[in-house]
Amino acid sequence: MSESSRSDPAARRDLGARRHPAALAHRGFSPDGHENTLAAFRAAAELGFVWLETDVHTTRDGVVVAFHDPTLERVTGTSGNVNDLTWEQLRELRIGGTEEIPTLSELLRALPEACLNIDVKDEASVAALPGVVAREHTAHRLRVTSFSESRRRRALAGITRLTGERVRSSAGTLGTAGFLAVSAVAPLTDRVSRKITPALWRAHIAAWSRLVAPFDTLQLPEQHTVQLPGGHRLTLRIVTPAFLDLAHRTGLSVQVWTVNDPADMKRLLDMGVDGLITDRADLLKDVLQCRGQWPPDPL
């Protein structure tokens, strides 16, 4: 991007109109609340979504399932923890009273053209997930992440060890915090030279390489609210034009979650985000079609 394009909002919007951002269907697409089911994932795929976001937990006997919560109550109405049940017990339950809980292997086989953005939710999945990826030969169509840097790092290492491949990954909490810290000084260092902050980021990566696995993407909310003493709250805006500029200068893409309002989708796309994660795959498709940015970029 030229210097004039960076400083001209109209030029940025024109560039955005030519790009096809990533579009991720959050837990599939199911307006009736049947999240993380084969029906929801198929519905998103039928809309044309390539990337499907999901979560994994592992049963007591080592079966990796697409499921968000550690407990069963919210979506099945049954008490208990996923980790405490065997697959035979879990397969009898229904999401929303009708839909089966899918295993990750079932999902990968049912939608062979889909790419999965997988959030590793529990410790058991750190050991079990790499085996599924190796057996299904699907490392090339996955992105693996976790809020826990330890889980993310070890799951990625396990996949590489079994497959010989390095899968895509987005930053965990620690990696995101590190980038936010470096981006906080960018307004000062850029006054001297725009080369300084990317150099600081490279040094930061080198310093923490044993703790934080590499990542190509930052997946995060546009803003975050912090609870303060006395019942006060402070809302911090994370994704800004300056934040995006630095991410792109350091080779990172930025995907924002969970964006369900068309006005917010348009505003963030105009700002230059690289992708959106949404519960409303239908609305995001409409927005991207109107902007000439459909189909989404599979990469």
C-alpha atoms as a PDB file:
ATOM      1  CA  MET A   1       0.000   0.000   0.000  1.00  0.00           C
ATOM      2  CA  SER A   2       1.366   3.412  -0.892  1.00  0.00           C
ATOM      3  CA  GLU A   3       1.865   6.169   1.698  1.00  0.00           C
ATOM      4  CA  SER A   4      -1.039   8.087   0.186  1.00  0.00           C
ATOM      5  CA  SER A   5      -3.300   5.042   0.438  1.00  0.00           C
ATOM      6  CA  ARG A   6      -2.455   4.657   4.111  1.00  0.00           C
ATOM      7  CA  SER A   7      -3.458   8.197   4.920  1.00  0.00           C
ATOM      8  CA  ASP A   8      -6.517   8.464   2.661  1.00  0.00           C
ATOM      9  CA  PRO A   9      -9.669   6.774   4.054  1.00  0.00           C
ATOM     10  CA  ALA A  10     -11.268   6.738   0.605  1.00  0.00           C
ATOM     11  CA  ALA A  11      -8.255   4.927  -0.798  1.00  0.00           C
ATOM     12  CA  ARG A  12      -8.401   2.412   2.049  1.00  0.00           C
ATOM     13  CA  ARG A  13     -12.076   1.762   1.334  1.00  0.00           C
ATOM     14  CA  ASP A  14     -11.308   1.319  -2.365  1.00  0.00           C
ATOM     15  CA  LEU A  15      -8.594  -1.191  -1.509  1.00  0.00           C
ATOM     16  CA  GLY A  16     -11.020  -2.983   0.828  1.00  0.00           C
ATOM     17  CA  ALA A  17     -13.571  -3.251  -1.962  1.00  0.00           C
ATOM     18  CA  ARG A  18     -11.054  -5.220  -4.032  1.00  0.00           C
ATOM     19  CA  ARG A  19      -9.998  -7.576  -1.233  1.00  0.00           C
ATOM     20  CA  HIS A  20     -11.939 -10.685  -0.312  1.00  0.00           C
ATOM     21  CA  PRO A  21     -11.646 -10.933   3.486  1.00  0.00           C
ATOM     22  CA  ALA A  22     -11.793 -14.169   5.410  1.00  0.00           C
ATOM     23  CA  ALA A  23     -15.312 -15.052   6.555  1.00  0.00           C
ATOM     24  CA  LEU A  24     -15.669 -17.499   9.442  1.00  0.00           C
ATOM     25  CA  ALA A  25     -18.955 -19.063  10.520  1.00  0.00           C
ATOM     26  CA  HIS A  26     -18.862 -19.126  14.331  1.00  0.00           C
ATOM     27  CA  ARG A  27     -19.827 -22.653  15.476  1.00  0.00           C
ATOM     28  CA  GLY A  28     -21.455 -23.065  12.065  1.00  0.00           C
ATOM     29  CA  PHE A  29     -24.704 -21.319  11.177  1.00  0.00           C
ATOM     30  CA  SER A  30     -27.809 -22.079  13.184  1.00  0.00           C
ATOM     31  CA  PRO A  31     -30.247 -19.253  14.026  1.00  0.00           C
ATOM     32  CA  ASP A  32     -32.166 -21.753  16.178  1.00  0.00           C
ATOM     33  CA  GLY A  33     -29.163 -22.198  18.469  1.00  0.00           C
ATOM     34  CA  HIS A  34     -28.005 -25.665  17.374  1.00  0.00           C
ATOM     35  CA  GLU A  35     -24.357 -24.619  17.464  1.00  0.00           C
ATOM     36  CA  ASN A  36     -21.445 -26.935  16.695  1.00  0.00           C
ATOM     37  CA  THR A  37     -23.661 -29.518  14.997  1.00  0.00           C
ATOM     38  CA  LEU A  38     -23.263 -31.100  11.588  1.00  0.00           C
ATOM     39  CA  ALA A  39     -26.485 -29.375  10.539  1.00  0.00           C
ATOM     40  CA  ALA A  40     -25.052 -25.981  11.516  1.00  0.00           C
ATOM     41  CA  PHE A  41     -21.757 -26.599   9.758  1.00  0.00           C
ATOM     42  CA  ARG A  42     -23.480 -27.860   6.621  1.00  0.00           C
ATOM     43  CA  ALA A  43     -25.729 -24.789   6.605  1.00  0.00           C
ATOM     44  CA  ALA A  44     -22.665 -22.527   6.660  1.00  0.00           C
ATOM     45  CA  ALA A  45     -20.985 -24.539   3.922  1.00  0.00           C
ATOM     46  CA  GLU A  46     -24.127 -24.346   1.787  1.00  0.00           C
ATOM     47  CA  LEU A  47     -24.004 -20.552   2.083  1.00  0.00           C
ATOM     48  CA  GLY A  48     -20.502 -20.711   0.611  1.00  0.00           C
ATOM     49  CA  PHE A  49     -18.392 -20.377   3.751  1.00  0.00           C
ATOM     50  CA  VAL A  50     -15.011 -22.074   3.517  1.00  0.00           C
ATOM     51  CA  TRP A  51     -13.851 -21.433   7.080  1.00  0.00           C
ATOM     52  CA  LEU A  52     -15.887 -22.838   9.952  1.00  0.00           C
ATOM     53  CA  GLU A  53     -15.046 -21.934  13.541  1.00  0.00           C
ATOM     54  CA  THR A  54     -15.456 -24.636  16.172  1.00  0.00           C
ATOM     55  CA  ASP A  55     -14.253 -25.754  19.596  1.00  0.00           C
ATOM     56  CA  VAL A  56     -13.071 -29.112  20.864  1.00  0.00           C
ATOM     57  CA  HIS A  57     -13.354 -31.037  24.106  1.00  0.00           C
ATOM     58  CA  THR A  58     -12.378 -34.668  24.652  1.00  0.00           C
ATOM     59  CA  THR A  59     -14.413 -37.412  26.309  1.00  0.00           C
ATOM     60  CA  ARG A  60     -13.209 -39.620  29.139  1.00  0.00           C
ATOM     61  CA  ASP A  61     -12.213 -42.311  26.637  1.00  0.00           C
ATOM     62  CA  GLY A  62     -10.316 -39.967  24.321  1.00  0.00           C
ATOM     63  CA  VAL A  63     -12.822 -39.015  21.607  1.00  0.00           C
ATOM     64  CA  VAL A  64     -12.479 -35.416  20.381  1.00  0.00           C
ATOM     65  CA  VAL A  65     -15.853 -33.725  19.910  1.00  0.00           C
ATOM     66  CA  ALA A  66     -16.966 -30.370  18.488  1.00  0.00           C
ATOM     67  CA  PHE A  67     -18.395 -28.705  21.593  1.00  0.00           C
ATOM     68  CA  HIS A  68     -17.882 -25.315  23.211  1.00  0.00           C
ATOM     69  CA  ASP A  69     -18.747 -25.524  26.909  1.00  0.00           C
ATOM     70  CA  PRO A  70     -16.989 -27.777  29.419  1.00  0.00           C
ATOM     71  CA  THR A  71     -20.434 -28.627  30.787  1.00  0.00           C
ATOM     72  CA  LEU A  72     -23.495 -29.983  29.004  1.00  0.00           C
ATOM     73  CA  GLU A  73     -26.328 -27.947  30.525  1.00  0.00           C
ATOM     74  CA  ARG A  74     -26.584 -24.947  28.212  1.00  0.00           C
ATOM     75  CA  VAL A  75     -27.150 -26.736  24.917  1.00  0.00           C
ATOM     76  CA  THR A  76     -28.298 -30.229  25.923  1.00  0.00           C
ATOM     77  CA  GLY A  77     -30.213 -29.592  29.156  1.00  0.00           C
ATOM     78  CA  THR A  78     -28.245 -32.405  30.789  1.00  0.00           C
ATOM     79  CA  SER A  79     -25.946 -32.001  33.781  1.00  0.00           C
ATOM     80  CA  GLY A  80     -22.334 -33.114  33.753  1.00  0.00           C
ATOM     81  CA  ASN A  81     -18.984 -32.423  32.116  1.00  0.00           C
ATOM     82  CA  VAL A  82     -17.892 -33.542  28.670  1.00  0.00           C
ATOM     83  CA  ASN A  83     -14.594 -34.830  30.088  1.00  0.00           C
ATOM     84  CA  ASP A  84     -16.397 -37.094  32.569  1.00  0.00           C
ATOM     85  CA  LEU A  85     -18.460 -39.010  30.017  1.00  0.00           C
ATOM     86  CA  THR A  86     -17.514 -41.684  27.524  1.00  0.00           C
ATOM     87  CA  TRP A  87     -18.328 -41.237  23.863  1.00  0.00           C
ATOM     88  CA  GLU A  88     -21.050 -43.895  24.133  1.00  0.00           C
ATOM     89  CA  GLN A  89     -22.722 -41.802  26.831  1.00  0.00           C
ATOM     90  CA  LEU A  90     -22.257 -38.511  25.013  1.00  0.00           C
ATOM     91  CA  ARG A  91     -23.603 -39.738  21.688  1.00  0.00           C
ATOM     92  CA  GLU A  92     -27.011 -40.334  23.276  1.00  0.00           C
ATOM     93  CA  LEU A  93     -27.445 -36.635  24.075  1.00  0.00           C
ATOM     94  CA  ARG A  94     -28.986 -34.075  21.723  1.00  0.00           C
ATOM     95  CA  ILE A  95     -28.273 -30.386  21.192  1.00  0.00           C
ATOM     96  CA  GLY A  96     -31.523 -28.468  21.297  1.00  0.00           C
ATOM     97  CA  GLY A  97     -33.293 -31.805  21.717  1.00  0.00           C
ATOM     98  CA  THR A  98     -32.685 -32.884  18.104  1.00  0.00           C
ATOM     99  CA  GLU A  99     -29.051 -32.680  16.935  1.00  0.00           C
ATOM    100  CA  GLU A 100     -26.261 -35.102  17.769  1.00  0.00           C
ATOM    101  CA  ILE A 101     -22.905 -33.951  19.106  1.00  0.00           C
ATOM    102  CA  PRO A 102     -20.390 -34.599  16.303  1.00  0.00           C
ATOM    103  CA  THR A 103     -16.908 -35.951  16.728  1.00  0.00           C
ATOM    104  CA  LEU A 104     -14.174 -33.912  15.098  1.00  0.00           C
ATOM    105  CA  SER A 105     -13.453 -36.830  12.761  1.00  0.00           C
ATOM    106  CA  GLU A 106     -17.086 -36.900  11.648  1.00  0.00           C
ATOM    107  CA  LEU A 107     -16.989 -33.187  10.943  1.00  0.00           C
ATOM    108  CA  LEU A 108     -13.772 -33.382   8.948  1.00  0.00           C
ATOM    109  CA  ARG A 109     -15.133 -36.255   6.863  1.00  0.00           C
ATOM    110  CA  ALA A 110     -18.602 -34.777   6.363  1.00  0.00           C
ATOM    111  CA  LEU A 111     -17.218 -31.529   4.915  1.00  0.00           C
ATOM    112  CA  PRO A 112     -13.978 -32.411   3.113  1.00  0.00           C
ATOM    113  CA  GLU A 113     -13.738 -29.026   1.388  1.00  0.00           C
ATOM    114  CA  ALA A 114     -14.131 -27.005   4.586  1.00  0.00           C
ATOM    115  CA  CYS A 115     -11.339 -25.454   6.637  1.00  0.00           C
ATOM    116  CA  LEU A 116     -11.704 -25.506  10.410  1.00  0.00           C
ATOM    117  CA  ASN A 117     -10.615 -22.885  12.915  1.00  0.00           C
ATOM    118  CA  ILE A 118     -10.304 -25.007  16.075  1.00  0.00           C
ATOM    119  CA  ASP A 119     -10.225 -23.618  19.614  1.00  0.00           C
ATOM    120  CA  VAL A 120      -8.653 -26.165  21.980  1.00  0.00           C
ATOM    121  CA  LYS A 121     -10.786 -25.828  25.102  1.00  0.00           C
ATOM    122  CA  ASP A 122      -9.459 -28.482  27.464  1.00  0.00           C
ATOM    123  CA  GLU A 123      -6.284 -30.240  28.544  1.00  0.00           C
ATOM    124  CA  ALA A 124      -7.384 -33.651  27.265  1.00  0.00           C
ATOM    125  CA  SER A 125      -7.645 -32.313  23.719  1.00  0.00           C
ATOM    126  CA  VAL A 126      -3.988 -31.258  23.741  1.00  0.00           C
ATOM    127  CA  ALA A 127      -3.054 -34.937  23.619  1.00  0.00           C
ATOM    128  CA  ALA A 128      -5.997 -36.226  21.573  1.00  0.00           C
ATOM    129  CA  LEU A 129      -6.290 -33.603  18.812  1.00  0.00           C
ATOM    130  CA  PRO A 130      -2.951 -34.311  17.062  1.00  0.00           C
ATOM    131  CA  GLY A 131      -3.917 -37.960  16.574  1.00  0.00           C
ATOM    132  CA  VAL A 132      -7.172 -36.989  14.873  1.00  0.00           C
ATOM    133  CA  VAL A 133      -5.386 -34.545  12.568  1.00  0.00           C
ATOM    134  CA  ALA A 134      -2.801 -37.196  11.642  1.00  0.00           C
ATOM    135  CA  ARG A 135      -5.373 -39.945  11.003  1.00  0.00           C
ATOM    136  CA  GLU A 136      -7.594 -37.683   8.913  1.00  0.00           C
ATOM    137  CA  HIS A 137      -4.663 -36.058   7.031  1.00  0.00           C
ATOM    138  CA  THR A 138      -6.174 -32.598   7.531  1.00  0.00           C
ATOM    139  CA  ALA A 139      -3.333 -30.406   8.835  1.00  0.00           C
ATOM    140  CA  HIS A 140      -3.443 -28.367   5.628  1.00  0.00           C
ATOM    141  CA  ARG A 141      -7.010 -27.179   6.263  1.00  0.00           C
ATOM    142  CA  LEU A 142      -6.859 -26.243   9.924  1.00  0.00           C
ATOM    143  CA  ARG A 143      -6.077 -23.270  12.097  1.00  0.00           C
ATOM    144  CA  VAL A 144      -5.502 -24.181  15.743  1.00  0.00           C
ATOM    145  CA  THR A 145      -5.800 -21.744  18.611  1.00  0.00           C
ATOM    146  CA  SER A 146      -6.579 -21.524  22.315  1.00  0.00           C
ATOM    147  CA  PHE A 147      -6.906 -18.831  24.954  1.00  0.00           C
ATOM    148  CA  SER A 148      -4.332 -20.897  26.869  1.00  0.00           C
ATOM    149  CA  GLU A 149      -0.898 -20.387  25.337  1.00  0.00           C
ATOM    150  CA  SER A 150       0.321 -23.616  26.918  1.00  0.00           C
ATOM    151  CA  ARG A 151      -2.465 -25.649  25.326  1.00  0.00           C
ATOM    152  CA  ARG A 152      -1.991 -23.948  21.960  1.00  0.00           C
ATOM    153  CA  ARG A 153       1.775 -24.468  21.957  1.00  0.00           C
ATOM    154  CA  ARG A 154       1.631 -28.130  22.943  1.00  0.00           C
ATOM    155  CA  ALA A 155      -1.229 -28.983  20.565  1.00  0.00           C
ATOM    156  CA  LEU A 156       0.656 -27.423  17.655  1.00  0.00           C
ATOM    157  CA  ALA A 157       3.837 -29.260  18.616  1.00  0.00           C
ATOM    158  CA  GLY A 158       1.934 -32.550  18.777  1.00  0.00           C
ATOM    159  CA  ILE A 159       0.452 -32.035  15.313  1.00  0.00           C
ATOM    160  CA  THR A 160       3.855 -31.224  13.833  1.00  0.00           C
ATOM    161  CA  ARG A 161       5.409 -34.221  15.542  1.00  0.00           C
ATOM    162  CA  LEU A 162       2.815 -36.650  14.128  1.00  0.00           C
ATOM    163  CA  THR A 163       2.310 -35.108  10.687  1.00  0.00           C
ATOM    164  CA  GLY A 164       5.527 -33.269   9.913  1.00  0.00           C
ATOM    165  CA  GLU A 165       3.398 -30.221   9.032  1.00  0.00           C
ATOM    166  CA  ARG A 166       2.943 -26.839  10.682  1.00  0.00           C
ATOM    167  CA  VAL A 167      -0.669 -25.766  10.789  1.00  0.00           C
ATOM    168  CA  ARG A 168      -1.966 -22.207  10.794  1.00  0.00           C
ATOM    169  CA  SER A 169      -2.508 -20.673  14.197  1.00  0.00           C
ATOM    170  CA  SER A 170      -3.887 -17.519  15.755  1.00  0.00           C
ATOM    171  CA  ALA A 171      -2.472 -15.961  18.899  1.00  0.00           C
ATOM    172  CA  GLY A 172      -3.553 -16.982  22.358  1.00  0.00           C
ATOM    173  CA  THR A 173      -4.033 -14.534  25.207  1.00  0.00           C
ATOM    174  CA  LEU A 174      -0.302 -14.178  25.880  1.00  0.00           C
ATOM    175  CA  GLY A 175       0.602 -13.568  22.243  1.00  0.00           C
ATOM    176  CA  THR A 176      -2.188 -11.054  21.824  1.00  0.00           C
ATOM    177  CA  ALA A 177      -1.134  -9.216  24.999  1.00  0.00           C
ATOM    178  CA  GLY A 178       2.426  -9.043  23.722  1.00  0.00           C
ATOM    179  CA  PHE A 179       1.353  -7.524  20.441  1.00  0.00           C
ATOM    180  CA  LEU A 180      -0.892  -5.023  22.226  1.00  0.00           C
ATOM    181  CA  ALA A 181       2.049  -3.954  24.382  1.00  0.00           C
ATOM    182  CA  VAL A 182       4.241  -3.346  21.357  1.00  0.00           C
ATOM    183  CA  SER A 183       1.440  -1.581  19.468  1.00  0.00           C
ATOM    184  CA  ALA A 184       0.975   0.804  22.414  1.00  0.00           C
ATOM    185  CA  VAL A 185       4.375   2.366  21.732  1.00  0.00           C
ATOM    186  CA  ALA A 186       3.924   2.541  17.954  1.00  0.00           C
ATOM    187  CA  PRO A 187       2.495   6.101  17.944  1.00  0.00           C
ATOM    188  CA  LEU A 188       5.727   7.293  19.597  1.00  0.00           C
ATOM    189  CA  THR A 189       8.258   5.245  17.655  1.00  0.00           C
ATOM    190  CA  ASP A 190       6.591   5.913  14.299  1.00  0.00           C
ATOM    191  CA  ARG A 191       7.340   9.607  14.764  1.00  0.00           C
ATOM    192  CA  VAL A 192      11.015   8.683  14.590  1.00  0.00           C
ATOM    193  CA  SER A 193      10.835   5.834  12.054  1.00  0.00           C
ATOM    194  CA  ARG A 194       8.166   3.358  10.975  1.00  0.00           C
ATOM    195  CA  LYS A 195      10.836   0.652  11.071  1.00  0.00           C
ATOM    196  CA  ILE A 196      11.315   0.790  14.842  1.00  0.00           C
ATOM    197  CA  THR A 197       8.112  -0.884  16.068  1.00  0.00           C
ATOM    198  CA  PRO A 198       8.308  -3.869  13.664  1.00  0.00           C
ATOM    199  CA  ALA A 199      11.884  -4.342  14.869  1.00  0.00           C
ATOM    200  CA  LEU A 200      10.659  -4.267  18.473  1.00  0.00           C
ATOM    201  CA  TRP A 201       8.065  -6.907  17.591  1.00  0.00           C
ATOM    202  CA  ARG A 202      10.706  -9.167  16.042  1.00  0.00           C
ATOM    203  CA  ALA A 203      12.820  -8.826  19.160  1.00  0.00           C
ATOM    204  CA  HIS A 204       9.785  -9.578  21.308  1.00  0.00           C
ATOM    205  CA  ILE A 205       9.099 -12.767  19.328  1.00  0.00           C
ATOM    206  CA  ALA A 206      12.712 -13.906  19.660  1.00  0.00           C
ATOM    207  CA  ALA A 207      12.667 -13.316  23.422  1.00  0.00           C
ATOM    208  CA  TRP A 208       9.559 -15.407  24.064  1.00  0.00           C
ATOM    209  CA  SER A 209      10.071 -18.123  21.427  1.00  0.00           C
ATOM    210  CA  ARG A 210      10.253 -20.884  24.046  1.00  0.00           C
ATOM    211  CA  LEU A 211       6.936 -19.881  25.576  1.00  0.00           C
ATOM    212  CA  VAL A 212       4.830 -18.687  22.649  1.00  0.00           C
ATOM    213  CA  ALA A 213       4.357 -20.702  19.479  1.00  0.00           C
ATOM    214  CA  PRO A 214       4.377 -18.830  16.161  1.00  0.00           C
ATOM    215  CA  PHE A 215       1.091 -17.443  14.864  1.00  0.00           C
ATOM    216  CA  ASP A 216      -0.045 -15.830  11.629  1.00  0.00           C
ATOM    217  CA  THR A 217      -3.298 -14.256  12.804  1.00  0.00           C
ATOM    218  CA  LEU A 218      -4.712 -12.166  15.622  1.00  0.00           C
ATOM    219  CA  GLN A 219      -8.321 -13.135  16.403  1.00  0.00           C
ATOM    220  CA  LEU A 220      -9.825 -10.769  18.940  1.00  0.00           C
ATOM    221  CA  PRO A 221     -12.841  -8.589  19.750  1.00  0.00           C
ATOM    222  CA  GLU A 222     -12.985  -5.005  18.545  1.00  0.00           C
ATOM    223  CA  GLN A 223     -13.106  -3.819  22.148  1.00  0.00           C
ATOM    224  CA  HIS A 224     -12.736  -5.242  25.631  1.00  0.00           C
ATOM    225  CA  THR A 225     -14.425  -4.142  28.864  1.00  0.00           C
ATOM    226  CA  VAL A 226     -12.447  -4.267  32.100  1.00  0.00           C
ATOM    227  CA  GLN A 227     -14.197  -4.471  35.477  1.00  0.00           C
ATOM    228  CA  LEU A 228     -12.813  -1.884  37.904  1.00  0.00           C
ATOM    229  CA  PRO A 229     -13.208  -1.569  41.687  1.00  0.00           C
ATOM    230  CA  GLY A 230     -16.428   0.014  42.877  1.00  0.00           C
ATOM    231  CA  GLY A 231     -18.499  -1.508  40.102  1.00  0.00           C
ATOM    232  CA  HIS A 232     -16.998   0.737  37.437  1.00  0.00           C
ATOM    233  CA  ARG A 233     -16.190  -0.518  33.958  1.00  0.00           C
ATOM    234  CA  LEU A 234     -13.643   0.663  31.421  1.00  0.00           C
ATOM    235  CA  THR A 235     -14.071  -0.189  27.746  1.00  0.00           C
ATOM    236  CA  LEU A 236     -10.841  -0.360  25.766  1.00  0.00           C
ATOM    237  CA  ARG A 237     -10.903  -0.211  21.975  1.00  0.00           C
ATOM    238  CA  ILE A 238      -8.445  -2.735  20.574  1.00  0.00           C
ATOM    239  CA  VAL A 239      -8.942  -2.761  16.819  1.00  0.00           C
ATOM    240  CA  THR A 240      -8.154   0.651  15.358  1.00  0.00           C
ATOM    241  CA  PRO A 241      -6.647   1.790  12.046  1.00  0.00           C
ATOM    242  CA  ALA A 242      -3.268   2.183  13.775  1.00  0.00           C
ATOM    243  CA  PHE A 243      -3.498  -1.323  15.254  1.00  0.00           C
ATOM    244  CA  LEU A 244      -4.324  -2.785  11.838  1.00  0.00           C
ATOM    245  CA  ASP A 245      -1.508  -0.860  10.186  1.00  0.00           C
ATOM    246  CA  LEU A 246       1.065  -2.280  12.604  1.00  0.00           C
ATOM    247  CA  ALA A 247      -0.316  -5.819  12.305  1.00  0.00           C
ATOM    248  CA  HIS A 248      -0.017  -5.650   8.530  1.00  0.00           C
ATOM    249  CA  ARG A 249       3.486  -4.186   8.735  1.00  0.00           C
ATOM    250  CA  THR A 250       4.536  -7.158  10.877  1.00  0.00           C
ATOM    251  CA  GLY A 251       2.905  -9.722   8.582  1.00  0.00           C
ATOM    252  CA  LEU A 252      -0.101 -10.546  10.748  1.00  0.00           C
ATOM    253  CA  SER A 253      -3.728 -10.660   9.694  1.00  0.00           C
ATOM    254  CA  VAL A 254      -6.519  -9.460  11.991  1.00  0.00           C
ATOM    255  CA  GLN A 255      -9.876 -11.216  12.311  1.00  0.00           C
ATOM    256  CA  VAL A 256     -12.537  -9.763  14.605  1.00  0.00           C
ATOM    257  CA  TRP A 257     -15.103 -11.717  16.629  1.00  0.00           C
ATOM    258  CA  THR A 258     -18.038 -12.040  17.102  1.00  0.00           C
ATOM    259  CA  VAL A 259     -19.592  -9.536  14.673  1.00  0.00           C
ATOM    260  CA  ASN A 260     -23.327  -9.999  14.039  1.00  0.00           C
ATOM    261  CA  ASP A 261     -24.560  -6.535  13.069  1.00  0.00           C
ATOM    262  CA  PRO A 262     -24.293  -5.567   9.358  1.00  0.00           C
ATOM    263  CA  ALA A 263     -23.393  -1.963  10.232  1.00  0.00           C
ATOM    264  CA  ASP A 264     -20.461  -3.178  12.345  1.00  0.00           C
ATOM    265  CA  MET A 265     -19.405  -5.566   9.586  1.00  0.00           C
ATOM    266  CA  LYS A 266     -19.288  -2.747   7.036  1.00  0.00           C
ATOM    267  CA  ARG A 267     -17.450  -0.394   9.393  1.00  0.00           C
ATOM    268  CA  LEU A 268     -14.764  -2.950  10.268  1.00  0.00           C
ATOM    269  CA  LEU A 269     -14.308  -3.955   6.639  1.00  0.00           C
ATOM    270  CA  ASP A 270     -13.914  -0.285   5.712  1.00  0.00           C
ATOM    271  CA  MET A 271     -11.306  -0.011   8.456  1.00  0.00           C
ATOM    272  CA  GLY A 272      -9.334  -2.801   6.774  1.00  0.00           C
ATOM    273  CA  VAL A 273      -9.741  -5.917   8.933  1.00  0.00           C
ATOM    274  CA  ASP A 274      -8.707  -9.138   7.237  1.00  0.00           C
ATOM    275  CA  GLY A 275     -11.662 -11.219   8.340  1.00  0.00           C
ATOM    276  CA  LEU A 276     -14.816 -11.426  10.415  1.00  0.00           C
ATOM    277  CA  ILE A 277     -16.118 -14.198  12.651  1.00  0.00           C
ATOM    278  CA  THR A 278     -19.887 -14.228  12.962  1.00  0.00           C
ATOM    279  CA  ASP A 279     -22.917 -16.116  14.232  1.00  0.00           C
ATOM    280  CA  ARG A 280     -24.895 -14.594  11.350  1.00  0.00           C
ATOM    281  CA  ALA A 281     -23.280 -16.130   8.324  1.00  0.00           C
ATOM    282  CA  ASP A 282     -26.294 -15.148   6.245  1.00  0.00           C
ATOM    283  CA  LEU A 283     -25.914 -11.448   7.062  1.00  0.00           C
ATOM    284  CA  LEU A 284     -22.156 -11.442   6.527  1.00  0.00           C
ATOM    285  CA  LYS A 285     -22.594 -13.067   3.129  1.00  0.00           C
ATOM    286  CA  ASP A 286     -25.115 -10.372   2.152  1.00  0.00           C
ATOM    287  CA  VAL A 287     -22.716  -7.613   3.234  1.00  0.00           C
ATOM    288  CA  LEU A 288     -19.779  -9.113   1.351  1.00  0.00           C
ATOM    289  CA  GLN A 289     -21.857  -9.691  -1.768  1.00  0.00           C
ATOM    290  CA  CYS A 290     -23.014  -6.072  -1.781  1.00  0.00           C
ATOM    291  CA  ARG A 291     -19.389  -4.957  -1.472  1.00  0.00           C
ATOM    292  CA  GLY A 292     -18.177  -7.221  -4.269  1.00  0.00           C
ATOM    293  CA  GLN A 293     -16.132  -9.241  -1.748  1.00  0.00           C
ATOM    294  CA  TRP A 294     -17.763 -12.633  -2.135  1.00  0.00           C
ATOM    295  CA  PRO A 295     -16.787 -15.465  -2.186  1.00  0.00           C
ATOM    296  CA  PRO A 296     -14.452 -15.254   0.817  1.00  0.00           C
ATOM    297  CA  ASP A 297     -10.735 -15.831   0.480  1.00  0.00           C
ATOM    298  CA  PRO A 298     -10.028 -19.507   1.339  1.00  0.00           C
ATOM    299  CA  LEU A 299      -6.502 -18.594   2.491  1.00  0.00           C
END
